[in-house]
N, C-alpha and C. Protein backbone atom coordinates (compact mmCIF):
# COMPACT_ATOMS: atom_id res chain seq x y z
N MET A 1 -2.65 7.21 -15.10
CA MET A 1 -2.71 8.48 -14.21
C MET A 1 -1.46 9.45 -14.87
N PRO A 2 -1.15 10.27 -14.96
CA PRO A 2 0.03 11.50 -14.94
C PRO A 2 -0.19 11.89 -14.24
N GLU A 3 -0.85 12.45 -12.86
CA GLU A 3 -1.41 13.36 -12.70
C GLU A 3 -0.82 12.89 -11.17
N ILE A 4 -0.42 12.31 -11.06
CA ILE A 4 -0.50 11.41 -10.22
C ILE A 4 0.94 11.69 -9.56
N ALA A 5 1.98 11.07 -10.60
CA ALA A 5 3.33 11.71 -9.60
C ALA A 5 3.64 13.81 -9.36
N PRO A 6 3.24 14.17 -10.20
CA PRO A 6 3.44 15.48 -9.34
C PRO A 6 2.93 16.28 -7.87
N MET A 7 2.29 15.32 -7.77
CA MET A 7 1.31 15.71 -6.58
C MET A 7 1.95 14.85 -5.96
N LEU A 8 2.59 13.19 -5.67
CA LEU A 8 3.33 12.67 -5.39
C LEU A 8 4.58 13.34 -4.95
N ARG A 9 5.00 13.93 -6.45
CA ARG A 9 6.78 14.96 -6.20
C ARG A 9 6.55 16.11 -5.11
N GLU A 10 5.53 16.33 -5.45
CA GLU A 10 6.01 17.63 -4.82
C GLU A 10 5.14 17.40 -2.59
N ASP A 11 4.36 15.76 -2.54
CA ASP A 11 4.59 15.99 -0.98
C ASP A 11 5.72 15.56 -0.39
N VAL A 12 6.38 14.83 -1.40
CA VAL A 12 7.60 14.44 -0.51
C VAL A 12 8.57 16.09 -0.69
N GLN A 13 8.84 16.33 -1.42
CA GLN A 13 9.70 17.94 -1.68
C GLN A 13 8.94 18.44 -0.19
N GLN A 14 7.32 18.45 -0.40
CA GLN A 14 7.03 19.14 1.06
C GLN A 14 8.32 18.98 2.90
N ALA A 15 7.64 17.46 2.68
CA ALA A 15 8.55 17.23 3.51
C ALA A 15 9.68 16.61 3.88
N LEU A 16 10.50 17.38 2.76
CA LEU A 16 12.67 16.79 3.00
C LEU A 16 12.11 18.34 2.85
N ALA A 17 11.54 19.79 3.27
CA ALA A 17 11.44 21.25 3.10
C ALA A 17 11.50 21.49 4.35
N ALA A 18 11.32 20.72 5.22
CA ALA A 18 11.38 20.59 6.67
C ALA A 18 11.95 19.63 7.27
N SER A 19 12.90 19.01 6.52
CA SER A 19 13.80 18.15 7.41
C SER A 19 15.51 18.77 7.24
N ASP A 20 15.95 19.17 5.90
CA ASP A 20 16.49 20.25 5.70
C ASP A 20 17.17 19.17 4.05
N GLY A 21 16.53 17.78 3.44
CA GLY A 21 16.34 17.41 2.87
C GLY A 21 16.77 15.96 2.81
N VAL A 22 16.90 16.05 4.53
CA VAL A 22 17.09 15.30 4.82
C VAL A 22 16.03 13.70 5.01
N PHE A 23 16.09 12.73 5.00
CA PHE A 23 14.69 11.93 4.20
C PHE A 23 15.62 10.66 6.69
N THR A 24 15.26 11.93 7.38
CA THR A 24 14.33 11.62 8.37
C THR A 24 13.03 11.03 8.82
N SER A 25 13.00 9.78 10.30
CA SER A 25 11.62 9.60 9.95
C SER A 25 10.35 10.28 10.11
N LEU A 26 10.65 11.66 10.32
CA LEU A 26 9.80 12.37 10.25
C LEU A 26 9.16 12.74 9.44
N ALA A 27 10.63 12.81 8.32
CA ALA A 27 10.58 13.68 7.13
C ALA A 27 9.20 12.54 6.49
N MET A 28 9.91 11.29 6.56
CA MET A 28 8.72 10.28 5.53
C MET A 28 7.36 9.73 6.62
N GLN A 29 7.17 10.59 8.05
CA GLN A 29 5.77 10.16 8.54
C GLN A 29 4.39 11.00 8.26
N ASN A 30 5.69 11.97 7.42
CA ASN A 30 4.60 13.29 7.10
C ASN A 30 4.13 13.36 5.58
N MET A 31 5.24 11.70 4.77
CA MET A 31 4.40 11.49 3.78
C MET A 31 3.19 11.31 3.54
N LYS A 32 2.44 11.81 3.84
CA LYS A 32 1.54 12.02 3.52
C LYS A 32 0.45 10.90 2.20
N LYS A 33 0.71 11.93 1.89
CA LYS A 33 -0.16 11.42 0.10
C LYS A 33 0.62 9.62 -0.22
N LEU A 34 2.31 10.10 -0.32
CA LEU A 34 2.72 8.95 -1.12
C LEU A 34 2.60 7.72 0.08
N ASP A 35 2.44 7.79 1.37
CA ASP A 35 1.75 6.73 2.35
C ASP A 35 0.65 6.14 1.61
N SER A 36 -0.28 7.10 1.51
CA SER A 36 -1.82 6.63 1.14
C SER A 36 -2.03 5.60 -0.79
N PHE A 37 -1.09 6.63 -1.15
CA PHE A 37 -0.50 5.26 -2.59
C PHE A 37 -0.33 4.48 -2.40
N LEU A 38 0.44 3.70 -1.84
CA LEU A 38 1.21 3.17 -1.42
C LEU A 38 0.22 2.14 -0.83
N ARG A 39 -0.02 2.66 -0.32
CA ARG A 39 -0.89 1.34 0.57
C ARG A 39 -2.56 1.51 -0.30
N GLU A 40 -2.92 2.30 -1.65
CA GLU A 40 -3.38 2.44 -2.67
C GLU A 40 -3.07 1.05 -3.44
N VAL A 41 -2.37 1.16 -4.07
CA VAL A 41 -1.02 0.64 -4.73
C VAL A 41 -1.75 -1.21 -4.11
N LEU A 42 -0.51 -1.74 -3.09
CA LEU A 42 -1.25 -3.17 -2.30
C LEU A 42 -2.39 -3.28 -2.56
N ARG A 43 -3.48 -2.58 -2.14
CA ARG A 43 -4.66 -2.71 -2.44
C ARG A 43 -5.69 -3.13 -4.21
N TYR A 44 -4.97 -2.23 -4.32
CA TYR A 44 -6.34 -2.47 -5.88
C TYR A 44 -4.81 -3.41 -6.67
N TYR A 45 -4.12 -3.79 -6.45
CA TYR A 45 -3.30 -4.52 -7.42
C TYR A 45 -1.62 -5.27 -5.87
N PRO A 46 -3.04 -6.72 -5.42
CA PRO A 46 -2.72 -6.86 -4.07
C PRO A 46 -1.58 -8.35 -4.76
N ILE A 47 -0.09 -7.96 -4.46
CA ILE A 47 0.45 -9.76 -4.49
C ILE A 47 0.45 -10.42 -4.48
N SER A 48 -0.96 -11.16 -3.94
CA SER A 48 -1.24 -12.51 -4.82
C SER A 48 -2.88 -12.54 -3.74
N THR A 49 -3.21 -12.58 -4.38
CA THR A 49 -4.51 -12.71 -3.67
C THR A 49 -5.04 -13.70 -2.40
N THR A 50 -4.28 -13.63 -1.88
CA THR A 50 -4.57 -15.09 -0.17
C THR A 50 -3.63 -14.89 0.34
N SER A 51 -4.11 -14.40 1.36
CA SER A 51 -3.27 -14.89 2.68
C SER A 51 -2.61 -15.48 3.10
N PHE A 52 -1.84 -15.45 4.40
CA PHE A 52 -2.34 -16.50 6.54
C PHE A 52 -2.22 -18.30 5.18
N GLN A 53 -2.01 -18.56 4.99
CA GLN A 53 -1.57 -19.88 4.74
C GLN A 53 -1.15 -20.68 5.60
N ARG A 54 -1.89 -22.04 6.08
CA ARG A 54 -1.54 -22.10 7.18
C ARG A 54 -1.81 -23.99 7.52
N LYS A 55 -0.93 -24.75 8.08
CA LYS A 55 -1.74 -26.13 7.76
C LYS A 55 -1.90 -26.32 9.11
N VAL A 56 -3.04 -27.05 8.92
CA VAL A 56 -3.85 -26.63 10.67
C VAL A 56 -3.19 -28.42 11.04
N LEU A 57 -2.63 -27.35 12.24
CA LEU A 57 -1.57 -29.43 12.86
C LEU A 57 -2.99 -30.01 13.65
N LYS A 58 -3.73 -29.19 14.68
CA LYS A 58 -4.63 -29.70 15.05
C LYS A 58 -6.70 -29.18 14.75
N PRO A 59 -7.10 -30.34 14.81
CA PRO A 59 -8.34 -30.23 14.33
C PRO A 59 -9.19 -28.72 14.88
N PHE A 60 -10.31 -28.06 14.20
CA PHE A 60 -10.60 -27.31 15.65
C PHE A 60 -12.43 -26.85 15.34
N THR A 61 -13.28 -26.62 15.20
CA THR A 61 -14.70 -26.16 14.70
C THR A 61 -14.45 -24.43 14.96
N LEU A 62 -15.07 -24.15 13.93
CA LEU A 62 -15.97 -22.76 13.99
C LEU A 62 -16.76 -22.73 14.45
N SER A 63 -17.44 -21.03 14.75
CA SER A 63 -18.25 -20.59 15.55
C SER A 63 -19.48 -21.41 14.74
N ASN A 64 -19.38 -21.35 13.14
CA ASN A 64 -20.43 -21.52 13.00
C ASN A 64 -20.83 -23.28 13.09
N GLY A 65 -20.63 -23.94 13.19
CA GLY A 65 -20.30 -25.71 13.69
C GLY A 65 -19.42 -25.78 12.41
N THR A 66 -18.29 -25.24 11.75
CA THR A 66 -17.43 -25.83 10.64
C THR A 66 -16.42 -26.91 11.46
N THR A 67 -15.97 -28.25 11.03
CA THR A 67 -14.88 -28.46 12.04
C THR A 67 -14.09 -28.52 10.54
N ILE A 68 -13.04 -28.46 11.38
CA ILE A 68 -11.05 -28.02 9.98
C ILE A 68 -10.27 -29.41 10.72
N PRO A 69 -10.57 -30.04 9.92
CA PRO A 69 -8.92 -31.51 9.60
C PRO A 69 -7.73 -31.41 9.93
N ALA A 70 -7.29 -31.61 10.84
CA ALA A 70 -5.65 -31.27 11.12
C ALA A 70 -5.49 -31.78 8.94
N GLY A 71 -4.31 -31.38 8.71
CA GLY A 71 -3.36 -31.44 7.91
C GLY A 71 -4.24 -30.76 6.81
N ILE A 72 -4.78 -29.88 6.76
CA ILE A 72 -4.92 -29.28 6.12
C ILE A 72 -4.60 -27.78 5.14
N ILE A 73 -4.31 -26.87 4.24
CA ILE A 73 -3.82 -25.32 4.54
C ILE A 73 -5.08 -24.32 4.43
N ILE A 74 -4.95 -23.85 5.32
CA ILE A 74 -6.24 -22.65 4.63
C ILE A 74 -5.48 -21.45 4.83
N GLU A 75 -6.12 -20.48 4.38
CA GLU A 75 -6.25 -19.23 3.61
C GLU A 75 -6.72 -17.80 4.22
N ILE A 76 -6.84 -17.01 3.73
CA ILE A 76 -7.57 -16.15 3.78
C ILE A 76 -7.79 -15.17 2.85
N PRO A 77 -8.90 -14.84 2.07
CA PRO A 77 -8.98 -14.81 0.77
C PRO A 77 -8.50 -13.81 0.36
N ALA A 78 -7.61 -12.70 0.30
CA ALA A 78 -7.17 -11.29 0.86
C ALA A 78 -7.61 -10.24 -0.05
N ALA A 79 -7.30 -10.62 -1.50
CA ALA A 79 -7.74 -9.72 -2.68
C ALA A 79 -9.64 -10.27 -3.01
N GLY A 80 -10.17 -10.52 -2.20
CA GLY A 80 -12.05 -11.06 -1.39
C GLY A 80 -12.21 -9.56 -0.51
N VAL A 81 -11.26 -9.26 0.53
CA VAL A 81 -11.07 -7.96 1.37
C VAL A 81 -11.33 -6.93 0.96
N SER A 82 -10.17 -6.65 -0.60
CA SER A 82 -9.42 -5.62 -0.67
C SER A 82 -10.36 -4.98 -1.56
N GLY A 83 -11.15 -6.28 -2.86
CA GLY A 83 -12.63 -5.65 -3.94
C GLY A 83 -13.51 -5.33 -2.93
N ASP A 84 -13.78 -6.27 -1.25
CA ASP A 84 -14.99 -5.68 -0.44
C ASP A 84 -16.05 -4.11 -0.67
N PRO A 85 -16.88 -4.02 -1.25
CA PRO A 85 -17.33 -2.21 -1.46
C PRO A 85 -18.01 -1.92 0.06
N SER A 86 -18.50 -3.06 1.05
CA SER A 86 -18.55 -2.33 2.63
C SER A 86 -17.57 -1.90 3.03
N ILE A 87 -16.50 -2.12 2.84
CA ILE A 87 -15.01 -1.84 3.50
C ILE A 87 -14.55 -0.38 3.23
N PHE A 88 -14.77 -1.37 2.09
CA PHE A 88 -13.88 -0.30 0.85
C PHE A 88 -14.76 0.49 0.04
N PRO A 89 -15.26 1.65 0.19
CA PRO A 89 -16.11 2.26 -1.20
C PRO A 89 -15.75 2.79 -2.91
N ASP A 90 -16.60 1.74 -2.86
CA ASP A 90 -15.75 1.88 -5.03
C ASP A 90 -14.84 0.77 -4.71
N PRO A 91 -14.37 -0.06 -4.82
CA PRO A 91 -13.04 -0.82 -4.82
C PRO A 91 -12.80 -0.60 -5.91
N GLU A 92 -13.46 -0.91 -6.99
CA GLU A 92 -13.50 -0.94 -8.63
C GLU A 92 -12.27 -0.08 -9.40
N VAL A 93 -12.58 1.02 -8.27
CA VAL A 93 -11.27 2.63 -9.31
C VAL A 93 -10.32 2.61 -7.76
N PHE A 94 -9.21 2.59 -8.27
CA PHE A 94 -7.81 3.34 -7.96
C PHE A 94 -7.66 4.92 -7.40
N ASP A 95 -7.57 4.75 -5.71
CA ASP A 95 -7.47 6.47 -5.43
C ASP A 95 -6.93 6.31 -5.11
N ALA A 96 -5.46 7.50 -5.52
CA ALA A 96 -4.17 7.04 -4.14
C ALA A 96 -4.65 7.97 -3.22
N LEU A 97 -5.26 8.40 -3.52
CA LEU A 97 -5.92 9.53 -1.87
C LEU A 97 -6.50 9.05 -0.90
N ARG A 98 -7.07 7.92 -1.61
CA ARG A 98 -7.88 7.24 -0.27
C ARG A 98 -7.91 6.51 0.68
N PHE A 99 -6.66 6.26 1.49
CA PHE A 99 -6.15 6.58 2.60
C PHE A 99 -5.69 7.49 3.76
N TYR A 100 -5.14 9.33 2.45
CA TYR A 100 -4.62 10.12 2.04
C TYR A 100 -6.48 11.35 3.12
N LYS A 101 -7.07 10.70 1.65
CA LYS A 101 -8.86 11.36 2.74
C LYS A 101 -8.96 11.17 4.25
N LEU A 102 -9.29 9.67 4.53
CA LEU A 102 -9.80 8.82 5.23
C LEU A 102 -9.52 9.52 6.41
N ARG A 103 -7.71 10.14 6.39
CA ARG A 103 -7.42 10.63 8.09
C ARG A 103 -7.06 11.86 7.97
N GLN A 104 -7.72 12.53 7.42
CA GLN A 104 -8.25 13.67 7.25
C GLN A 104 -9.36 13.81 6.93
N SER A 105 -10.05 13.30 7.06
CA SER A 105 -11.55 13.68 7.45
C SER A 105 -12.19 12.99 9.12
N LYS A 106 -11.62 12.32 9.20
CA LYS A 106 -11.25 10.84 10.60
C LYS A 106 -11.52 11.83 11.67
N SER A 107 -10.52 12.26 11.27
CA SER A 107 -9.23 13.38 11.90
C SER A 107 -9.93 14.41 12.46
N LYS A 108 -10.26 15.21 11.48
CA LYS A 108 -11.39 16.71 11.58
C LYS A 108 -12.55 15.89 12.42
N ALA A 109 -13.01 14.96 11.84
CA ALA A 109 -14.60 14.85 12.70
C ALA A 109 -14.11 14.11 14.13
N GLU A 110 -12.79 13.38 14.67
CA GLU A 110 -12.94 12.65 16.36
C GLU A 110 -11.71 13.23 16.75
N SER A 111 -11.85 13.25 17.34
CA SER A 111 -10.62 13.98 18.89
C SER A 111 -10.04 12.00 19.73
N GLY A 112 -8.63 13.33 20.33
CA GLY A 112 -8.52 11.91 20.95
C GLY A 112 -7.83 11.00 20.30
N ALA A 113 -8.03 10.11 21.49
CA ALA A 113 -7.64 8.14 21.25
C ALA A 113 -8.55 7.36 19.46
N LYS A 114 -9.72 8.56 19.52
CA LYS A 114 -10.31 7.68 18.79
C LYS A 114 -9.78 8.29 17.10
N ALA A 115 -9.14 9.56 17.41
CA ALA A 115 -7.90 10.11 15.82
C ALA A 115 -6.76 9.77 15.71
N ALA A 116 -6.56 9.25 16.36
CA ALA A 116 -4.85 8.43 17.07
C ALA A 116 -5.53 7.15 16.04
N GLU A 117 -6.30 6.53 16.40
CA GLU A 117 -6.75 5.31 16.99
C GLU A 117 -6.45 4.78 14.53
N THR A 118 -7.68 6.00 14.63
CA THR A 118 -7.64 6.12 12.74
C THR A 118 -6.70 6.64 11.90
N VAL A 119 -6.55 7.52 12.68
CA VAL A 119 -4.76 7.64 11.52
C VAL A 119 -3.48 6.58 11.21
N ALA A 120 -3.42 6.05 12.58
CA ALA A 120 -2.71 4.68 12.40
C ALA A 120 -3.51 3.88 11.94
N ASN A 121 -4.55 3.26 11.74
CA ASN A 121 -5.20 1.87 11.43
C ASN A 121 -4.83 2.54 9.26
N SER A 122 -4.84 3.96 8.72
CA SER A 122 -5.42 4.60 7.77
C SER A 122 -3.55 4.75 6.59
N GLN A 123 -3.16 3.52 7.45
CA GLN A 123 -1.01 3.77 7.02
C GLN A 123 -0.63 2.78 6.57
N PHE A 124 -0.09 2.91 5.25
CA PHE A 124 1.00 2.50 4.77
C PHE A 124 1.69 0.69 5.92
N VAL A 125 1.77 1.08 6.74
CA VAL A 125 2.24 -0.43 7.91
C VAL A 125 1.42 -0.96 8.51
N SER A 126 0.16 0.27 8.72
CA SER A 126 -1.06 -0.83 9.11
C SER A 126 -1.32 -2.52 8.97
N VAL A 127 -2.18 -2.97 10.16
CA VAL A 127 -1.99 -4.04 9.94
C VAL A 127 -3.45 -4.32 11.18
N SER A 128 -4.43 -5.01 10.25
CA SER A 128 -5.93 -5.11 10.56
C SER A 128 -6.13 -7.04 9.79
N ALA A 129 -8.21 -6.40 10.22
CA ALA A 129 -8.60 -7.46 9.31
C ALA A 129 -8.60 -7.42 7.69
N SER A 130 -9.17 -6.09 7.04
CA SER A 130 -9.19 -5.30 6.54
C SER A 130 -7.01 -5.16 5.48
N SER A 131 -6.65 -5.19 6.31
CA SER A 131 -5.58 -4.87 6.24
C SER A 131 -4.56 -5.83 5.71
N LEU A 132 -4.51 -6.75 5.17
CA LEU A 132 -4.19 -8.17 4.98
C LEU A 132 -2.44 -8.73 4.23
N THR A 133 -1.27 -7.58 4.27
CA THR A 133 -0.93 -7.05 2.96
C THR A 133 0.95 -7.18 4.32
N PHE A 134 1.44 -7.29 5.49
CA PHE A 134 2.03 -7.40 6.19
C PHE A 134 1.24 -8.23 7.27
N GLY A 135 0.10 -8.83 7.35
CA GLY A 135 -0.07 -9.99 8.11
C GLY A 135 -1.09 -9.10 9.08
N TYR A 136 -1.58 -10.21 10.19
CA TYR A 136 -2.51 -9.44 11.61
C TYR A 136 -1.68 -9.85 12.74
N GLY A 137 -2.41 -9.08 14.05
CA GLY A 137 -2.30 -9.75 15.91
C GLY A 137 -0.69 -9.96 15.50
N LYS A 138 -0.85 -11.05 16.02
CA LYS A 138 0.66 -11.63 16.32
C LYS A 138 1.17 -11.92 15.53
N HIS A 139 0.94 -12.74 14.21
CA HIS A 139 1.41 -12.90 13.35
C HIS A 139 2.01 -11.43 12.15
N ALA A 140 1.93 -10.29 12.36
CA ALA A 140 2.57 -9.49 11.13
C ALA A 140 3.39 -9.26 11.58
N CYS A 141 3.62 -8.07 10.63
CA CYS A 141 6.32 -8.50 10.10
C CYS A 141 6.79 -7.39 10.77
N PRO A 142 7.75 -7.42 11.34
CA PRO A 142 8.12 -6.37 12.98
C PRO A 142 8.51 -5.59 11.49
N GLY A 143 8.50 -6.14 10.26
CA GLY A 143 9.86 -5.48 9.79
C GLY A 143 9.26 -4.97 8.75
N ARG A 144 7.88 -4.46 8.60
CA ARG A 144 7.22 -3.63 7.96
C ARG A 144 7.56 -2.18 7.79
N PHE A 145 8.23 -2.09 9.07
CA PHE A 145 8.06 -0.26 9.35
C PHE A 145 9.50 -0.25 8.74
N PHE A 146 10.40 -1.08 8.59
CA PHE A 146 12.13 -0.34 7.79
C PHE A 146 11.67 -0.76 6.52
N ALA A 147 10.54 -2.04 5.69
CA ALA A 147 10.98 -2.06 4.89
C ALA A 147 9.73 -0.67 3.73
N ALA A 148 9.31 0.36 5.18
CA ALA A 148 8.40 1.36 4.42
C ALA A 148 8.85 2.68 4.20
N ASN A 149 10.18 2.08 5.03
CA ASN A 149 10.31 3.49 5.02
C ASN A 149 12.06 3.49 3.81
N GLU A 150 12.14 1.91 3.92
CA GLU A 150 12.95 1.87 1.90
C GLU A 150 12.45 1.74 0.97
N ILE A 151 11.01 1.99 0.70
CA ILE A 151 10.24 1.71 -0.43
C ILE A 151 9.67 2.57 -0.75
N LYS A 152 9.78 3.91 0.78
CA LYS A 152 9.51 5.65 0.65
C LYS A 152 10.14 6.85 -0.29
N MET A 153 11.74 5.65 0.57
CA MET A 153 13.23 6.31 0.35
C MET A 153 13.04 6.45 -0.68
N ILE A 154 13.08 5.40 -1.43
CA ILE A 154 13.53 4.98 -3.11
C ILE A 154 12.29 5.61 -4.50
N LEU A 155 11.09 5.33 -3.82
CA LEU A 155 10.62 6.07 -4.35
C LEU A 155 10.37 7.48 -4.79
N ALA A 156 10.73 8.14 -3.57
CA ALA A 156 10.66 8.95 -2.82
C ALA A 156 12.26 10.22 -4.24
N THR A 157 12.99 8.82 -4.27
CA THR A 157 14.26 9.88 -4.72
C THR A 157 13.88 10.10 -6.16
N ILE A 158 12.73 9.04 -6.68
CA ILE A 158 12.73 8.67 -8.09
C ILE A 158 12.28 9.67 -9.20
N LEU A 159 10.95 9.70 -7.95
CA LEU A 159 9.62 10.42 -8.62
C LEU A 159 10.84 12.25 -8.07
N LEU A 160 11.66 12.15 -7.40
CA LEU A 160 12.30 14.00 -7.54
C LEU A 160 13.69 13.95 -8.80
N HIS A 161 14.10 12.67 -8.87
CA HIS A 161 14.79 13.11 -9.91
C HIS A 161 14.18 12.25 -11.04
N TYR A 162 13.63 11.48 -11.37
CA TYR A 162 12.84 11.30 -12.85
C TYR A 162 11.84 11.65 -13.15
N ASP A 163 11.85 12.19 -14.53
CA ASP A 163 10.08 11.59 -14.68
C ASP A 163 9.99 9.93 -16.17
N ILE A 164 8.88 9.78 -15.12
CA ILE A 164 8.14 8.62 -16.03
C ILE A 164 7.89 8.06 -16.30
N LYS A 165 7.06 7.64 -17.57
CA LYS A 165 5.68 7.05 -17.93
C LYS A 165 6.00 6.01 -19.00
N LEU A 166 4.62 6.32 -19.72
CA LEU A 166 4.72 4.52 -20.15
C LEU A 166 5.25 5.29 -22.26
N PRO A 167 5.32 4.77 -22.06
CA PRO A 167 5.88 4.71 -24.06
C PRO A 167 4.54 5.15 -24.66
N ASP A 168 5.01 5.80 -25.95
CA ASP A 168 3.89 6.74 -26.85
C ASP A 168 3.73 5.33 -27.24
N GLY A 169 2.36 5.58 -27.51
CA GLY A 169 1.11 4.79 -27.94
C GLY A 169 0.87 3.90 -26.97
N VAL A 170 1.21 3.68 -26.18
CA VAL A 170 0.82 3.11 -24.44
C VAL A 170 -0.39 4.06 -23.76
N THR A 171 -1.96 3.80 -23.56
CA THR A 171 -2.28 4.74 -22.65
C THR A 171 -2.99 3.93 -21.32
N GLU A 172 -2.57 2.50 -21.52
CA GLU A 172 -3.47 1.04 -19.71
C GLU A 172 -1.78 0.96 -19.76
N ARG A 173 -2.27 0.58 -17.94
CA ARG A 173 -1.68 -0.14 -17.30
C ARG A 173 -0.91 -1.68 -18.14
N TYR A 174 0.17 -1.38 -17.22
CA TYR A 174 0.58 -2.45 -18.92
C TYR A 174 -0.35 -4.18 -17.45
N PRO A 175 -1.41 -4.46 -17.99
CA PRO A 175 -2.18 -6.52 -18.11
C PRO A 175 -0.55 -6.91 -16.46
N ASN A 176 -1.68 -7.25 -14.98
CA ASN A 176 -0.17 -7.75 -14.49
C ASN A 176 0.25 -9.46 -14.84
N LEU A 177 1.84 -9.41 -14.70
CA LEU A 177 1.53 -11.51 -14.30
C LEU A 177 1.10 -12.16 -13.22
N GLU A 178 -0.37 -12.96 -14.28
CA GLU A 178 -0.71 -14.09 -13.34
C GLU A 178 0.51 -15.52 -12.94
N MET A 179 0.50 -15.81 -11.84
CA MET A 179 0.92 -16.63 -11.73
C MET A 179 0.18 -18.16 -10.84
N GLY A 180 -0.84 -18.38 -10.41
CA GLY A 180 -1.19 -19.25 -9.37
C GLY A 180 -2.12 -18.33 -8.41
N ALA A 181 -1.37 -17.21 -7.46
CA ALA A 181 -2.29 -16.63 -5.96
C ALA A 181 -1.15 -15.53 -6.78
N GLN A 182 -0.19 -15.69 -7.14
CA GLN A 182 1.08 -14.52 -7.41
C GLN A 182 0.35 -13.54 -8.32
N SER A 183 0.63 -12.38 -8.13
CA SER A 183 0.07 -11.00 -9.43
C SER A 183 1.56 -10.10 -9.49
N LEU A 184 2.51 -10.40 -11.14
CA LEU A 184 3.41 -9.15 -10.18
C LEU A 184 3.59 -8.64 -11.80
N PRO A 185 4.27 -7.47 -11.50
CA PRO A 185 4.27 -6.38 -13.04
C PRO A 185 4.41 -7.55 -13.68
N ASP A 186 4.83 -8.07 -15.05
CA ASP A 186 5.56 -8.29 -16.23
C ASP A 186 6.99 -7.08 -16.19
N PRO A 187 8.00 -8.15 -15.85
CA PRO A 187 9.47 -6.33 -15.54
C PRO A 187 10.77 -7.47 -17.69
N LYS A 188 8.93 -7.38 -18.95
CA LYS A 188 10.18 -7.34 -19.64
C LYS A 188 9.21 -5.94 -20.35
N LYS A 189 7.89 -5.93 -19.50
CA LYS A 189 8.09 -4.29 -20.48
C LYS A 189 8.66 -2.71 -20.14
N LEU A 190 8.05 -2.81 -21.33
CA LEU A 190 8.71 -1.66 -21.43
C LEU A 190 8.48 -0.17 -20.78
N ILE A 191 8.98 0.82 -20.19
CA ILE A 191 8.77 2.10 -19.23
C ILE A 191 9.68 4.03 -20.42
N SER A 192 9.47 4.38 -20.18
CA SER A 192 10.07 5.76 -20.39
C SER A 192 10.58 6.71 -19.61
N ILE A 193 11.52 6.82 -18.79
CA ILE A 193 12.64 7.18 -17.97
C ILE A 193 13.28 8.15 -17.80
N ARG A 194 12.91 9.29 -17.61
CA ARG A 194 14.69 10.44 -18.72
C ARG A 194 14.18 11.43 -17.33
N LYS A 195 15.54 11.66 -16.47
CA LYS A 195 16.41 11.93 -15.84
C LYS A 195 16.43 13.85 -15.44
N ARG A 196 14.79 14.67 -14.75
CA ARG A 196 14.83 15.80 -14.29
C ARG A 196 16.22 16.28 -14.40
N GLU A 197 15.97 17.89 -15.08
CA GLU A 197 16.95 19.12 -15.21
C GLU A 197 16.51 20.22 -13.59
N ASN A 198 17.78 20.43 -13.60
CA ASN A 198 18.39 21.61 -12.41
C ASN A 198 17.19 20.61 -11.35
N VAL A 199 17.54 20.17 -11.24
CA VAL A 199 17.32 18.67 -9.70
C VAL A 199 18.19 18.75 -8.56
N ALA A 200 18.66 19.01 -7.01
CA ALA A 200 19.72 19.49 -6.33
C ALA A 200 20.02 17.70 -5.76
N PRO A 201 21.58 17.65 -6.36
CA PRO A 201 21.97 15.59 -6.24
C PRO A 201 21.05 15.10 -4.44
């Protein structure tokens, strides 16, 4: 998907142009396409197929009558949620602008508090029953805002100063390494990195 990098680079450049090239909080909030890309990456390539691993301390009964005994480990099928077509249309398709388009269409169709809620629920740092990367409810990661800003600054800097692509002859993304429930990029695979010319420091 070589067309994604130039689009994200332009998004970063526009956001930074409004802040005199400084990574302010507002500038990073304005990197809406980059934000959408990051959220879609974690939806399409979840770090783990499961979330919320918890040990049951005392038995409890679900609304359908199923009793969960004490002492067992329970978890949520995060990858199943991310791939659910009733939540994400065409979940098998990687759409870098999935959440950007959602924010744009919803904010135009709605107004006031409802529009603000839609925008908030479509961000990289959003936590909901359909976005479990950073947890959910009172167990949501309190450091996710700091982490998101770090990730955005790193990726924005790379986009501005480097061209990155797969080596010649490689046409498909490398498959992830699967280790139990974990799924991570293979650190032994090669990518091509070239410093861009005439870029301000």
